[in-house]
Amino acid sequence: MSSAGSTAGGAGAAGDASLSLRMAQRAFAPLLERNVRHTTFRFAQLRSGARRVLSALSADDRVRLARWLALLCTAAAMDAREVAELRLARIDATLAASVAAAQATLGELVVAGAVAA
């Protein structure tokens, strides 16, 4: 097997998530931390960064981000889920609606243990 063939095969798993999607996940992760109470200024900074990377996402990556966020919210404790949903709604209402719709379909699968992250 040539070195080009092995490189292409090895990049499959890493290539599943685009760079812009990974950046969006990094931008949204601190916003969803359950026990963190952000100051107004810090939340505004995080929200601005999240909106910026969200606007750079392709339609496919937006769907993947909504599914990832839905998995996080569904797996979280109820109080953390409510905080995350409120924060998402303050960032982007369309994304929050997509996450809620994805949660509805994922909830039963997560409980059954059938969803792989």
Protein backbone atom coordinates (compact mmCIF):
# COMPACT_ATOMS: atom_id res chain seq x y z
CA MET A 1 0.00 0.00 0.00
CA SER A 2 1.38 3.41 -0.86
CA SER A 3 1.93 6.11 1.73
CA ALA A 4 -0.77 8.24 0.07
CA GLY A 5 -3.29 5.44 0.52
CA SER A 6 -2.51 5.03 4.19
CA THR A 7 -2.74 8.76 4.77
CA ALA A 8 -6.16 8.96 3.15
CA GLY A 9 -7.44 6.02 5.17
CA GLY A 10 -6.11 7.37 8.44
CA ALA A 11 -7.65 10.79 7.90
CA GLY A 12 -11.18 9.39 7.59
CA ALA A 13 -12.09 9.64 11.26
CA ALA A 14 -10.42 13.02 11.71
CA GLY A 15 -11.96 14.28 8.48
CA ASP A 16 -15.51 13.56 9.66
CA ALA A 17 -15.54 16.78 11.64
CA SER A 18 -14.49 19.85 9.70
CA LEU A 19 -12.22 22.42 11.25
CA SER A 20 -15.06 24.94 11.43
CA LEU A 21 -17.26 22.40 13.25
CA ARG A 22 -14.52 21.66 15.77
CA MET A 23 -14.05 25.39 16.32
CA ALA A 24 -17.77 25.77 16.90
CA GLN A 25 -17.75 22.92 19.42
CA ARG A 26 -14.90 24.63 21.27
CA ALA A 27 -16.78 27.93 21.24
CA PHE A 28 -20.03 26.40 22.56
CA ALA A 29 -18.54 24.08 25.18
CA PRO A 30 -17.80 26.77 27.83
CA LEU A 31 -21.30 28.15 27.41
CA LEU A 32 -22.82 24.82 28.35
CA GLU A 33 -20.79 24.14 31.47
CA ARG A 34 -23.27 23.49 34.20
CA ASN A 35 -21.64 24.92 37.30
CA VAL A 36 -20.12 27.98 35.71
CA ARG A 37 -21.80 31.30 36.33
CA HIS A 38 -20.41 33.72 33.79
CA THR A 39 -20.31 37.43 34.44
CA THR A 40 -22.37 39.48 32.03
CA PHE A 41 -19.24 40.62 30.24
CA ARG A 42 -17.77 37.10 29.99
CA PHE A 43 -21.04 35.66 28.70
CA ALA A 44 -21.19 38.41 26.07
CA GLN A 45 -17.66 37.51 24.96
CA LEU A 46 -18.49 33.82 24.74
CA ARG A 47 -21.79 34.51 22.97
CA SER A 48 -20.06 36.75 20.43
CA GLY A 49 -17.46 34.07 19.71
CA ALA A 50 -20.12 31.39 19.38
CA ARG A 51 -22.14 33.53 16.97
CA ARG A 52 -19.06 34.25 14.89
CA VAL A 53 -18.13 30.58 14.42
CA LEU A 54 -21.78 29.62 13.94
CA SER A 55 -22.06 32.02 11.01
CA ALA A 56 -19.04 30.37 9.37
CA LEU A 57 -20.55 26.88 9.43
CA SER A 58 -21.92 25.15 6.39
CA ALA A 59 -25.48 23.83 6.50
CA ASP A 60 -24.18 20.28 7.05
CA ASP A 61 -21.96 21.41 9.92
CA ARG A 62 -24.88 23.29 11.51
CA VAL A 63 -26.84 20.04 11.54
CA ARG A 64 -23.87 18.21 13.08
CA LEU A 65 -23.43 20.96 15.69
CA ALA A 66 -27.13 20.83 16.60
CA ARG A 67 -26.91 17.05 17.01
CA TRP A 68 -23.77 17.35 19.16
CA LEU A 69 -25.41 20.00 21.33
CA ALA A 70 -28.56 17.89 21.57
CA LEU A 71 -26.52 14.91 22.76
CA LEU A 72 -24.85 17.07 25.42
CA CYS A 73 -28.13 18.53 26.59
CA THR A 74 -29.97 15.21 26.58
CA ALA A 75 -27.26 13.50 28.58
CA ALA A 76 -27.02 16.33 31.10
CA ALA A 77 -28.89 16.57 34.38
CA MET A 78 -32.22 18.40 34.21
CA ASP A 79 -30.94 21.62 35.80
CA ALA A 80 -27.93 21.70 33.47
CA ARG A 81 -30.17 21.02 30.50
CA GLU A 82 -32.37 24.00 31.33
CA VAL A 83 -29.35 26.28 31.69
CA ALA A 84 -27.92 25.06 28.38
CA GLU A 85 -31.22 25.56 26.57
CA LEU A 86 -31.57 29.09 27.91
CA ARG A 87 -28.02 29.96 26.92
CA LEU A 88 -28.46 28.50 23.44
CA ALA A 89 -31.64 30.51 22.94
CA ARG A 90 -29.73 33.68 23.82
CA ILE A 91 -27.07 32.86 21.23
CA ASP A 92 -29.23 31.82 18.28
CA ALA A 93 -32.95 31.02 18.33
CA THR A 94 -32.80 28.91 15.17
CA LEU A 95 -29.99 26.79 16.56
CA ALA A 96 -31.85 26.38 19.85
CA ALA A 97 -34.94 25.17 17.95
CA SER A 98 -32.80 22.72 15.96
CA VAL A 99 -31.27 21.40 19.18
CA ALA A 100 -34.71 20.98 20.76
CA ALA A 101 -35.95 19.08 17.71
CA ALA A 102 -32.88 16.85 17.73
CA GLN A 103 -33.32 16.25 21.46
CA ALA A 104 -36.82 14.97 20.87
CA THR A 105 -35.50 12.28 18.55
CA LEU A 106 -32.36 11.54 20.56
CA GLY A 107 -33.88 11.34 24.02
CA GLU A 108 -35.22 7.84 23.65
CA LEU A 109 -32.04 6.60 21.96
CA VAL A 110 -29.77 8.00 24.67
CA VAL A 111 -31.85 6.37 27.39
CA ALA A 112 -31.62 3.08 25.52
CA GLY A 113 -27.87 3.55 25.10
CA ALA A 114 -28.10 3.24 21.35
CA VAL A 115 -26.47 6.55 20.33
CA ALA A 116 -22.75 6.71 19.79
CA ALA A 117 -21.21 10.16 20.13
